[in-house]
């Protein structure tokens, strides 16, 4: 039988382990809620995201050179909530491609228009799917919601054996900015 002192030491050790576990879990959850790489800009965040998926998918990046240069000067060119929405849309599109598409190639495109819009495109050459049977899927709804919350829109195009393309048009300035008086480039 253990002495009270040994029990106290054991409980103290367990308490310390629990505190460390809890701290690690909170850190992990907070990183998933807001990846800190976004502070360095959307271009850096998308490149990091592509690196995370590269073991499962060959990913090609097509990034607007002007946007890359402007983000190097000021990584906060794009409003924080718009960066997060674009990141989450790309993350979901890449997750779907890795899980379901059986793709041999994925392309992430990012370009900025002079009218204040950002176009994010994630294309894969995988098996595609029937949009009619999957339009209520949680991933599709989440991508559309991320775009709508910031005043943008997200369109998914896919057909069996034709791959999938996710296009998000997002306002650089966020909801209610200067762009809102102009039609979206998707219209």
N, C-alpha and C. Protein backbone atom coordinates (compact mmCIF):
# COMPACT_ATOMS: atom_id res chain seq x y z
N UNK A 1 0.85 -1.19 0.00
CA UNK A 1 0.00 0.00 0.00
C UNK A 1 0.88 1.24 0.00
N UNK A 2 0.46 2.22 -0.77
CA UNK A 2 1.21 3.47 -0.88
C UNK A 2 0.91 4.38 0.30
N UNK A 3 1.92 5.13 0.69
CA UNK A 3 1.75 6.09 1.79
C UNK A 3 1.03 7.33 1.26
N UNK A 4 0.46 8.14 2.17
CA UNK A 4 -0.19 9.38 1.74
C UNK A 4 0.77 10.29 0.96
N UNK A 5 2.02 10.28 1.33
CA UNK A 5 3.01 11.11 0.63
C UNK A 5 3.18 10.63 -0.82
N UNK A 6 3.24 9.30 -1.02
CA UNK A 6 3.37 8.75 -2.37
C UNK A 6 2.13 9.05 -3.21
N UNK A 7 0.96 8.95 -2.57
CA UNK A 7 -0.30 9.29 -3.27
C UNK A 7 -0.30 10.76 -3.68
N UNK A 8 0.15 11.62 -2.80
CA UNK A 8 0.19 13.06 -3.09
C UNK A 8 1.14 13.34 -4.27
N UNK A 9 2.30 12.65 -4.28
CA UNK A 9 3.23 12.83 -5.39
C UNK A 9 2.63 12.32 -6.70
N UNK A 10 1.95 11.19 -6.63
CA UNK A 10 1.31 10.61 -7.82
C UNK A 10 0.23 11.55 -8.35
N UNK A 11 -0.59 12.07 -7.45
CA UNK A 11 -1.65 13.01 -7.85
C UNK A 11 -1.04 14.28 -8.43
N UNK A 12 0.02 14.77 -7.82
CA UNK A 12 0.71 15.96 -8.34
C UNK A 12 1.24 15.73 -9.75
N UNK A 13 1.82 14.56 -9.97
CA UNK A 13 2.33 14.22 -11.31
C UNK A 13 1.21 14.13 -12.33
N UNK A 14 0.10 13.49 -11.94
CA UNK A 14 -1.05 13.40 -12.83
C UNK A 14 -1.63 14.78 -13.15
N UNK A 15 -1.66 15.62 -12.14
CA UNK A 15 -2.17 16.99 -12.32
C UNK A 15 -1.31 17.74 -13.35
N UNK A 16 0.02 17.58 -13.23
CA UNK A 16 0.95 18.23 -14.17
C UNK A 16 0.75 17.69 -15.59
N UNK A 17 0.63 16.37 -15.73
CA UNK A 17 0.41 15.78 -17.05
C UNK A 17 -0.89 16.27 -17.67
N UNK A 18 -1.94 16.34 -16.86
CA UNK A 18 -3.23 16.82 -17.33
C UNK A 18 -3.15 18.28 -17.78
N UNK A 19 -2.44 19.11 -17.02
CA UNK A 19 -2.28 20.52 -17.38
C UNK A 19 -1.54 20.66 -18.71
N UNK A 20 -0.48 19.86 -18.91
CA UNK A 20 0.27 19.91 -20.17
C UNK A 20 -0.58 19.43 -21.34
N UNK A 21 -1.33 18.36 -21.12
CA UNK A 21 -2.21 17.83 -22.16
C UNK A 21 -3.27 18.86 -22.55
N UNK A 22 -3.86 19.48 -21.55
CA UNK A 22 -4.87 20.51 -21.78
C UNK A 22 -4.28 21.69 -22.55
N UNK A 23 -3.10 22.13 -22.15
CA UNK A 23 -2.44 23.25 -22.84
C UNK A 23 -2.18 22.92 -24.30
N UNK A 24 -1.69 21.71 -24.56
CA UNK A 24 -1.43 21.29 -25.94
C UNK A 24 -2.71 21.22 -26.76
N UNK A 25 -3.78 20.72 -26.15
CA UNK A 25 -5.07 20.64 -26.85
C UNK A 25 -5.61 22.03 -27.18
N UNK A 26 -5.54 22.94 -26.23
CA UNK A 26 -6.02 24.31 -26.46
C UNK A 26 -5.20 24.96 -27.56
N UNK A 27 -3.89 24.77 -27.54
CA UNK A 27 -3.03 25.34 -28.58
C UNK A 27 -3.40 24.76 -29.95
N UNK A 28 -3.63 23.45 -30.00
CA UNK A 28 -3.99 22.81 -31.26
C UNK A 28 -5.34 23.32 -31.78
N UNK A 29 -6.31 23.43 -30.89
CA UNK A 29 -7.63 23.92 -31.29
C UNK A 29 -7.55 25.37 -31.76
N UNK A 30 -6.82 26.20 -31.04
CA UNK A 30 -6.73 27.61 -31.43
C UNK A 30 -6.00 27.75 -32.77
N UNK A 31 -5.01 26.90 -33.04
CA UNK A 31 -4.33 26.95 -34.33
C UNK A 31 -5.28 26.56 -35.45
N UNK A 32 -6.12 25.56 -35.18
CA UNK A 32 -7.09 25.15 -36.20
C UNK A 32 -8.13 26.23 -36.44
N UNK A 33 -8.50 26.97 -35.40
CA UNK A 33 -9.47 28.05 -35.57
C UNK A 33 -8.87 29.21 -36.35
N UNK A 34 -7.62 29.56 -36.05
CA UNK A 34 -6.97 30.65 -36.76
C UNK A 34 -5.49 30.31 -36.96
N UNK A 35 -5.16 29.74 -38.11
CA UNK A 35 -3.76 29.40 -38.37
C UNK A 35 -2.88 30.65 -38.36
N UNK A 36 -1.86 30.67 -37.53
CA UNK A 36 -1.02 31.86 -37.37
C UNK A 36 -0.29 32.25 -38.65
N UNK A 37 -0.10 31.32 -39.58
CA UNK A 37 0.57 31.63 -40.84
C UNK A 37 -0.19 32.71 -41.61
N UNK A 38 -1.47 32.88 -41.35
CA UNK A 38 -2.26 33.91 -42.04
C UNK A 38 -1.75 35.31 -41.76
N UNK A 39 -1.06 35.50 -40.64
CA UNK A 39 -0.49 36.82 -40.33
C UNK A 39 0.57 37.22 -41.35
N UNK A 40 1.17 36.25 -41.99
CA UNK A 40 2.21 36.53 -42.99
C UNK A 40 1.61 36.80 -44.36
N UNK A 41 0.29 36.69 -44.48
CA UNK A 41 -0.38 36.96 -45.75
C UNK A 41 -1.03 35.71 -46.32
N UNK A 42 -1.96 35.93 -47.23
CA UNK A 42 -2.69 34.81 -47.83
C UNK A 42 -1.80 33.96 -48.72
N UNK A 43 -0.91 34.58 -49.47
CA UNK A 43 -0.02 33.82 -50.35
C UNK A 43 0.82 32.85 -49.52
N UNK A 44 1.44 33.32 -48.46
CA UNK A 44 2.26 32.45 -47.60
C UNK A 44 1.41 31.35 -46.98
N UNK A 45 0.19 31.68 -46.58
CA UNK A 45 -0.70 30.70 -45.95
C UNK A 45 -1.10 29.61 -46.95
N UNK A 46 -1.41 30.00 -48.18
CA UNK A 46 -1.79 29.01 -49.19
C UNK A 46 -0.60 28.14 -49.57
N UNK A 47 0.59 28.71 -49.63
CA UNK A 47 1.79 27.91 -49.91
C UNK A 47 2.04 26.90 -48.79
N UNK A 48 1.83 27.33 -47.55
CA UNK A 48 1.98 26.43 -46.40
C UNK A 48 0.94 25.32 -46.45
N UNK A 49 -0.29 25.68 -46.80
CA UNK A 49 -1.37 24.69 -46.91
C UNK A 49 -1.04 23.67 -48.00
N UNK A 50 -0.55 24.14 -49.13
CA UNK A 50 -0.17 23.23 -50.22
C UNK A 50 0.94 22.28 -49.76
N UNK A 51 1.90 22.79 -49.00
CA UNK A 51 2.97 21.95 -48.47
C UNK A 51 2.42 20.84 -47.58
N UNK A 52 1.39 21.16 -46.80
CA UNK A 52 0.79 20.17 -45.90
C UNK A 52 0.14 19.03 -46.68
N UNK A 53 -0.40 19.33 -47.85
CA UNK A 53 -1.11 18.32 -48.64
C UNK A 53 -0.22 17.65 -49.68
N UNK A 54 1.00 18.15 -49.85
CA UNK A 54 1.84 17.68 -50.95
C UNK A 54 2.15 16.19 -50.91
N UNK A 55 2.18 15.59 -49.74
CA UNK A 55 2.44 14.15 -49.66
C UNK A 55 1.30 13.35 -50.29
N UNK A 56 0.08 13.87 -50.21
CA UNK A 56 -1.09 13.17 -50.74
C UNK A 56 -1.42 13.59 -52.17
N UNK A 57 -1.08 14.82 -52.53
CA UNK A 57 -1.48 15.38 -53.83
C UNK A 57 -0.36 16.23 -54.43
N UNK A 58 -0.09 16.05 -55.71
CA UNK A 58 0.82 17.00 -56.35
C UNK A 58 0.06 18.31 -56.59
N UNK A 59 0.59 19.41 -56.06
CA UNK A 59 -0.12 20.68 -56.12
C UNK A 59 0.72 21.71 -56.87
N UNK A 60 0.08 22.37 -57.80
CA UNK A 60 0.71 23.44 -58.56
C UNK A 60 0.09 24.76 -58.10
N UNK A 61 0.92 25.77 -57.91
CA UNK A 61 0.44 27.08 -57.48
C UNK A 61 0.52 28.05 -58.66
N UNK A 62 -0.58 28.76 -58.90
CA UNK A 62 -0.62 29.82 -59.91
C UNK A 62 -1.02 31.10 -59.19
N UNK A 63 -0.03 31.87 -58.78
CA UNK A 63 -0.28 33.04 -57.94
C UNK A 63 -0.01 34.34 -58.69
N UNK A 64 -0.91 35.27 -58.54
CA UNK A 64 -0.82 36.60 -59.15
C UNK A 64 0.46 37.28 -58.66
N UNK A 65 1.35 37.62 -59.59
CA UNK A 65 2.64 38.23 -59.22
C UNK A 65 2.47 39.56 -58.50
N UNK A 66 1.52 40.38 -58.95
CA UNK A 66 1.29 41.67 -58.29
C UNK A 66 0.83 41.46 -56.85
N UNK A 67 -0.04 40.49 -56.65
CA UNK A 67 -0.52 40.19 -55.30
C UNK A 67 0.64 39.71 -54.43
N UNK A 68 1.50 38.84 -54.97
CA UNK A 68 2.66 38.36 -54.21
C UNK A 68 3.54 39.53 -53.78
N UNK A 69 3.80 40.45 -54.69
CA UNK A 69 4.65 41.61 -54.37
C UNK A 69 3.99 42.50 -53.33
N UNK A 70 2.70 42.77 -53.50
CA UNK A 70 2.01 43.64 -52.55
C UNK A 70 1.95 43.01 -51.16
N UNK A 71 1.77 41.70 -51.11
CA UNK A 71 1.73 41.04 -49.79
C UNK A 71 3.11 41.00 -49.14
N UNK A 72 4.17 40.98 -49.93
CA UNK A 72 5.52 41.05 -49.35
C UNK A 72 5.71 42.39 -48.66
N UNK A 73 5.19 43.45 -49.27
CA UNK A 73 5.30 44.79 -48.70
C UNK A 73 4.39 44.93 -47.48
N UNK A 74 3.15 44.49 -47.63
CA UNK A 74 2.17 44.59 -46.53
C UNK A 74 1.31 43.34 -46.48
N UNK A 75 1.68 42.36 -45.63
CA UNK A 75 0.95 41.10 -45.59
C UNK A 75 -0.52 41.23 -45.19
N UNK A 76 -0.91 42.41 -44.76
CA UNK A 76 -2.30 42.60 -44.35
C UNK A 76 -3.11 43.36 -45.40
N UNK A 77 -2.64 43.32 -46.63
CA UNK A 77 -3.34 43.93 -47.76
C UNK A 77 -4.78 43.42 -47.82
N UNK A 78 -4.94 42.13 -47.62
CA UNK A 78 -6.27 41.51 -47.65
C UNK A 78 -6.78 41.46 -46.22
N UNK A 79 -8.01 41.89 -46.02
CA UNK A 79 -8.63 41.91 -44.71
C UNK A 79 -8.52 40.54 -44.03
N UNK A 80 -8.27 40.54 -42.75
CA UNK A 80 -8.04 39.30 -41.99
C UNK A 80 -9.15 38.27 -42.20
N UNK A 81 -10.41 38.68 -42.11
CA UNK A 81 -11.50 37.71 -42.24
C UNK A 81 -11.59 37.17 -43.66
N UNK A 82 -11.17 37.94 -44.65
CA UNK A 82 -11.15 37.46 -46.03
C UNK A 82 -10.02 36.45 -46.22
N UNK A 83 -8.85 36.72 -45.62
CA UNK A 83 -7.74 35.75 -45.67
C UNK A 83 -8.18 34.42 -45.06
N UNK A 84 -8.86 34.50 -43.91
CA UNK A 84 -9.30 33.27 -43.25
C UNK A 84 -10.33 32.53 -44.10
N UNK A 85 -11.27 33.24 -44.69
CA UNK A 85 -12.29 32.60 -45.54
C UNK A 85 -11.62 31.91 -46.72
N UNK A 86 -10.69 32.58 -47.39
CA UNK A 86 -10.00 32.00 -48.54
C UNK A 86 -9.20 30.76 -48.12
N UNK A 87 -8.53 30.85 -46.99
CA UNK A 87 -7.74 29.73 -46.47
C UNK A 87 -8.65 28.52 -46.20
N UNK A 88 -9.77 28.76 -45.54
CA UNK A 88 -10.69 27.66 -45.20
C UNK A 88 -11.31 27.03 -46.45
N UNK A 89 -11.63 27.86 -47.43
CA UNK A 89 -12.18 27.33 -48.68
C UNK A 89 -11.14 26.45 -49.37
N UNK A 90 -9.91 26.94 -49.47
CA UNK A 90 -8.83 26.16 -50.09
C UNK A 90 -8.59 24.87 -49.30
N UNK A 91 -8.59 24.96 -47.99
CA UNK A 91 -8.36 23.80 -47.13
C UNK A 91 -9.43 22.73 -47.37
N UNK A 92 -10.69 23.15 -47.43
CA UNK A 92 -11.78 22.20 -47.66
C UNK A 92 -11.69 21.59 -49.06
N UNK A 93 -11.39 22.41 -50.06
CA UNK A 93 -11.27 21.90 -51.43
C UNK A 93 -10.12 20.90 -51.53
N UNK A 94 -8.99 21.18 -50.87
CA UNK A 94 -7.86 20.25 -50.88
C UNK A 94 -8.18 18.97 -50.11
N UNK A 95 -8.87 19.11 -48.99
CA UNK A 95 -9.27 17.93 -48.21
C UNK A 95 -10.17 17.03 -49.05
N UNK A 96 -11.15 17.63 -49.73
CA UNK A 96 -12.05 16.85 -50.58
C UNK A 96 -11.29 16.18 -51.72
N UNK A 97 -10.35 16.90 -52.32
CA UNK A 97 -9.56 16.32 -53.40
C UNK A 97 -8.73 15.13 -52.90
N UNK A 98 -8.14 15.28 -51.72
CA UNK A 98 -7.32 14.20 -51.16
C UNK A 98 -8.16 12.99 -50.77
N UNK A 99 -9.35 13.23 -50.23
CA UNK A 99 -10.19 12.13 -49.75
C UNK A 99 -10.98 11.44 -50.85
N UNK A 100 -11.52 12.22 -51.79
CA UNK A 100 -12.53 11.67 -52.70
C UNK A 100 -12.17 11.68 -54.18
N UNK A 101 -11.32 12.60 -54.62
CA UNK A 101 -11.20 12.87 -56.05
C UNK A 101 -10.37 11.86 -56.84
N UNK A 102 -9.43 11.20 -56.17
CA UNK A 102 -8.47 10.35 -56.89
C UNK A 102 -7.78 11.17 -57.98
N UNK A 103 -7.38 12.36 -57.61
CA UNK A 103 -6.77 13.30 -58.56
C UNK A 103 -5.29 13.01 -58.73
N UNK A 104 -4.79 13.28 -59.93
CA UNK A 104 -3.34 13.18 -60.16
C UNK A 104 -2.70 14.56 -60.10
N UNK A 105 -3.53 15.61 -60.16
CA UNK A 105 -2.99 16.96 -60.09
C UNK A 105 -4.03 17.92 -59.54
N UNK A 106 -3.56 18.86 -58.73
CA UNK A 106 -4.41 19.92 -58.18
C UNK A 106 -3.71 21.25 -58.44
N UNK A 107 -4.49 22.24 -58.80
CA UNK A 107 -3.95 23.58 -59.03
C UNK A 107 -4.67 24.56 -58.13
N UNK A 108 -3.89 25.37 -57.43
CA UNK A 108 -4.45 26.46 -56.62
C UNK A 108 -4.09 27.75 -57.34
N UNK A 109 -5.11 28.52 -57.69
CA UNK A 109 -4.89 29.80 -58.35
C UNK A 109 -5.38 30.93 -57.47
N UNK A 110 -4.65 32.03 -57.49
CA UNK A 110 -5.05 33.20 -56.71
C UNK A 110 -4.71 34.44 -57.53
N UNK A 111 -5.74 35.25 -57.78
CA UNK A 111 -5.50 36.49 -58.52
C UNK A 111 -6.36 37.61 -57.95
N UNK A 112 -5.88 38.82 -58.17
CA UNK A 112 -6.54 40.01 -57.65
C UNK A 112 -6.99 40.85 -58.84
N UNK A 113 -8.22 41.36 -58.76
CA UNK A 113 -8.70 42.23 -59.84
C UNK A 113 -8.54 43.69 -59.43
N UNK A 114 -8.54 44.54 -60.43
CA UNK A 114 -8.42 45.98 -60.16
C UNK A 114 -9.70 46.53 -59.51
N UNK A 115 -10.79 45.77 -59.58
CA UNK A 115 -12.06 46.22 -58.98
C UNK A 115 -12.18 45.87 -57.50
N UNK A 116 -11.13 45.31 -56.90
CA UNK A 116 -11.17 45.01 -55.48
C UNK A 116 -11.65 43.61 -55.12
N UNK A 117 -11.54 42.69 -56.07
CA UNK A 117 -11.96 41.31 -55.82
C UNK A 117 -10.75 40.39 -55.85
N UNK A 118 -10.86 39.32 -55.11
CA UNK A 118 -9.85 38.27 -55.06
C UNK A 118 -10.50 37.01 -55.61
N UNK A 119 -9.83 36.34 -56.53
CA UNK A 119 -10.36 35.08 -57.09
C UNK A 119 -9.45 33.94 -56.65
N UNK A 120 -10.03 33.01 -55.91
CA UNK A 120 -9.33 31.80 -55.49
C UNK A 120 -9.93 30.65 -56.28
N UNK A 121 -9.08 29.86 -56.91
CA UNK A 121 -9.55 28.70 -57.66
C UNK A 121 -8.76 27.48 -57.22
N UNK A 122 -9.47 26.40 -56.92
CA UNK A 122 -8.83 25.12 -56.62
C UNK A 122 -9.42 24.11 -57.59
N UNK A 123 -8.59 23.61 -58.51
CA UNK A 123 -9.03 22.66 -59.53
C UNK A 123 -8.31 21.33 -59.33
N UNK A 124 -9.04 20.25 -59.59
CA UNK A 124 -8.38 18.95 -59.62
C UNK A 124 -8.85 18.18 -60.84
N UNK A 125 -8.03 17.24 -61.27
CA UNK A 125 -8.35 16.44 -62.45
C UNK A 125 -8.89 15.06 -62.06
N UNK A 126 -9.49 14.99 -60.89
CA UNK A 126 -9.99 13.71 -60.37
C UNK A 126 -11.28 13.25 -60.99
N UNK A 127 -11.94 12.33 -60.29
CA UNK A 127 -13.12 11.67 -60.83
C UNK A 127 -14.36 12.55 -60.85
N UNK A 128 -14.34 13.68 -60.17
CA UNK A 128 -15.52 14.55 -60.17
C UNK A 128 -16.70 13.89 -59.49
N UNK A 129 -17.81 14.58 -59.49
CA UNK A 129 -19.02 14.04 -58.87
C UNK A 129 -20.23 14.77 -59.43
N UNK A 130 -21.40 14.21 -59.20
CA UNK A 130 -22.65 14.81 -59.63
C UNK A 130 -23.06 15.85 -58.60
N UNK A 131 -23.02 17.11 -58.99
CA UNK A 131 -23.36 18.20 -58.07
C UNK A 131 -24.77 18.08 -57.53
N UNK A 132 -25.68 17.58 -58.33
CA UNK A 132 -27.07 17.45 -57.90
C UNK A 132 -27.23 16.54 -56.70
N UNK A 133 -26.41 15.49 -56.63
CA UNK A 133 -26.54 14.56 -55.51
C UNK A 133 -25.70 14.97 -54.30
N UNK A 134 -24.79 15.93 -54.49
CA UNK A 134 -23.91 16.32 -53.38
C UNK A 134 -24.07 17.77 -52.96
N UNK A 135 -25.02 18.49 -53.54
CA UNK A 135 -25.12 19.93 -53.29
C UNK A 135 -25.42 20.27 -51.84
N UNK A 136 -25.98 19.34 -51.10
CA UNK A 136 -26.26 19.60 -49.69
C UNK A 136 -25.16 19.12 -48.76
N UNK A 137 -24.03 18.69 -49.34
CA UNK A 137 -22.92 18.19 -48.53
C UNK A 137 -22.36 19.29 -47.64
N UNK A 138 -21.93 18.90 -46.46
CA UNK A 138 -21.44 19.86 -45.48
C UNK A 138 -20.25 20.66 -46.00
N UNK A 139 -19.31 20.01 -46.67
CA UNK A 139 -18.14 20.71 -47.18
C UNK A 139 -18.51 21.80 -48.18
N UNK A 140 -19.42 21.49 -49.08
CA UNK A 140 -19.87 22.48 -50.07
C UNK A 140 -20.55 23.65 -49.37
N UNK A 141 -21.43 23.34 -48.44
CA UNK A 141 -22.13 24.40 -47.71
C UNK A 141 -21.15 25.26 -46.91
N UNK A 142 -20.16 24.65 -46.30
CA UNK A 142 -19.17 25.41 -45.53
C UNK A 142 -18.40 26.37 -46.43
N UNK A 143 -17.95 25.89 -47.59
CA UNK A 143 -17.20 26.76 -48.50
C UNK A 143 -18.07 27.94 -48.94
N UNK A 144 -19.32 27.67 -49.26
CA UNK A 144 -20.23 28.75 -49.66
C UNK A 144 -20.46 29.72 -48.51
N UNK A 145 -20.62 29.20 -47.31
CA UNK A 145 -20.83 30.06 -46.14
C UNK A 145 -19.61 30.93 -45.85
N UNK A 146 -18.40 30.35 -45.93
CA UNK A 146 -17.18 31.14 -45.70
C UNK A 146 -17.15 32.33 -46.64
N UNK A 147 -17.49 32.10 -47.91
CA UNK A 147 -17.47 33.18 -48.90
C UNK A 147 -18.55 34.21 -48.61
N UNK A 148 -19.76 33.76 -48.34
CA UNK A 148 -20.88 34.68 -48.13
C UNK A 148 -20.69 35.56 -46.90
N UNK A 149 -20.10 35.03 -45.85
CA UNK A 149 -19.90 35.79 -44.62
C UNK A 149 -19.05 37.04 -44.87
N UNK A 150 -18.12 36.97 -45.82
CA UNK A 150 -17.27 38.12 -46.11
C UNK A 150 -17.75 38.93 -47.31
N UNK A 151 -18.95 38.61 -47.81
CA UNK A 151 -19.51 39.37 -48.92
C UNK A 151 -19.14 38.83 -50.29
N UNK A 152 -18.69 37.60 -50.34
CA UNK A 152 -18.30 36.99 -51.61
C UNK A 152 -19.21 35.84 -51.98
N UNK A 153 -18.74 35.03 -52.89
CA UNK A 153 -19.50 33.85 -53.28
C UNK A 153 -18.54 32.74 -53.69
N UNK A 154 -19.03 31.53 -53.60
CA UNK A 154 -18.23 30.36 -53.94
C UNK A 154 -19.06 29.46 -54.84
N UNK A 155 -18.49 29.09 -55.99
CA UNK A 155 -19.18 28.26 -56.95
C UNK A 155 -18.36 26.99 -57.16
N UNK A 156 -19.04 25.85 -57.13
CA UNK A 156 -18.38 24.57 -57.34
C UNK A 156 -18.88 24.02 -58.67
N UNK A 157 -17.95 23.62 -59.52
CA UNK A 157 -18.30 23.00 -60.80
C UNK A 157 -17.67 21.61 -60.81
N UNK A 158 -18.48 20.62 -61.13
CA UNK A 158 -17.97 19.26 -61.19
C UNK A 158 -18.93 18.40 -61.99
N UNK A 159 -18.41 17.35 -62.55
CA UNK A 159 -19.21 16.34 -63.22
C UNK A 159 -18.42 15.04 -63.16
N UNK A 160 -19.11 13.90 -63.14
CA UNK A 160 -18.39 12.63 -63.09
C UNK A 160 -17.34 12.54 -64.20
N UNK A 161 -16.16 12.09 -63.84
CA UNK A 161 -15.00 11.91 -64.72
C UNK A 161 -14.44 13.22 -65.30
N UNK A 162 -14.85 14.37 -64.77
CA UNK A 162 -14.36 15.64 -65.31
C UNK A 162 -13.66 16.51 -64.27
N UNK A 163 -13.37 15.98 -63.11
CA UNK A 163 -12.69 16.76 -62.09
C UNK A 163 -13.62 17.74 -61.41
N UNK A 164 -13.04 18.57 -60.57
CA UNK A 164 -13.82 19.54 -59.79
C UNK A 164 -13.07 20.86 -59.77
N UNK A 165 -13.84 21.95 -59.83
CA UNK A 165 -13.27 23.29 -59.72
C UNK A 165 -14.08 24.07 -58.70
N UNK A 166 -13.38 24.59 -57.71
CA UNK A 166 -13.99 25.45 -56.69
C UNK A 166 -13.46 26.86 -56.96
N UNK A 167 -14.38 27.80 -57.17
CA UNK A 167 -13.99 29.19 -57.41
C UNK A 167 -14.66 30.07 -56.37
N UNK A 168 -13.85 30.80 -55.64
CA UNK A 168 -14.37 31.75 -54.65
C UNK A 168 -13.98 33.14 -55.09
N UNK A 169 -14.96 34.02 -55.15
CA UNK A 169 -14.72 35.42 -55.45
C UNK A 169 -14.98 36.17 -54.15
N UNK A 170 -13.93 36.78 -53.63
CA UNK A 170 -14.01 37.42 -52.31
C UNK A 170 -13.57 38.88 -52.41
N UNK A 171 -14.23 39.75 -51.67
CA UNK A 171 -13.85 41.17 -51.69
C UNK A 171 -12.59 41.39 -50.86
N UNK A 172 -11.63 42.11 -51.42
CA UNK A 172 -10.40 42.41 -50.66
C UNK A 172 -10.71 43.16 -49.38
N UNK A 173 -11.72 44.03 -49.44
CA UNK A 173 -12.03 44.90 -48.30
C UNK A 173 -13.01 44.27 -47.32
N UNK A 174 -13.52 43.08 -47.60
CA UNK A 174 -14.48 42.46 -46.70
C UNK A 174 -15.89 42.94 -46.98
N UNK A 175 -16.86 42.48 -46.18
CA UNK A 175 -18.26 42.82 -46.42
C UNK A 175 -18.50 44.32 -46.27
N UNK A 176 -19.29 44.86 -47.19
CA UNK A 176 -19.65 46.27 -47.10
C UNK A 176 -18.60 47.22 -47.60
N UNK A 177 -17.52 46.71 -48.17
CA UNK A 177 -16.46 47.58 -48.68
C UNK A 177 -16.84 48.22 -50.00
N UNK A 178 -15.91 48.91 -50.59
CA UNK A 178 -16.12 49.63 -51.85
C UNK A 178 -16.65 48.72 -52.95
N UNK A 179 -16.19 47.47 -52.98
CA UNK A 179 -16.57 46.51 -54.01
C UNK A 179 -18.06 46.23 -54.03
N UNK A 180 -18.75 46.38 -52.89
CA UNK A 180 -20.13 45.92 -52.77
C UNK A 180 -21.08 46.65 -53.72
N UNK A 181 -20.66 47.81 -54.22
CA UNK A 181 -21.51 48.53 -55.17
C UNK A 181 -21.34 47.99 -56.59
N UNK A 182 -20.33 47.18 -56.78
CA UNK A 182 -20.05 46.63 -58.10
C UNK A 182 -20.45 45.16 -58.11
N UNK A 183 -20.82 44.66 -59.26
CA UNK A 183 -21.20 43.26 -59.37
C UNK A 183 -19.97 42.37 -59.22
N UNK A 184 -20.20 41.19 -58.68
CA UNK A 184 -19.13 40.21 -58.56
C UNK A 184 -18.69 39.79 -59.95
N UNK A 185 -17.41 39.47 -60.13
CA UNK A 185 -16.93 38.99 -61.43
C UNK A 185 -17.60 37.68 -61.87
N UNK A 186 -18.25 36.96 -60.96
CA UNK A 186 -18.93 35.73 -61.35
C UNK A 186 -20.28 36.00 -62.01
N UNK A 187 -20.81 37.21 -61.84
CA UNK A 187 -22.14 37.52 -62.37
C UNK A 187 -22.06 37.88 -63.83
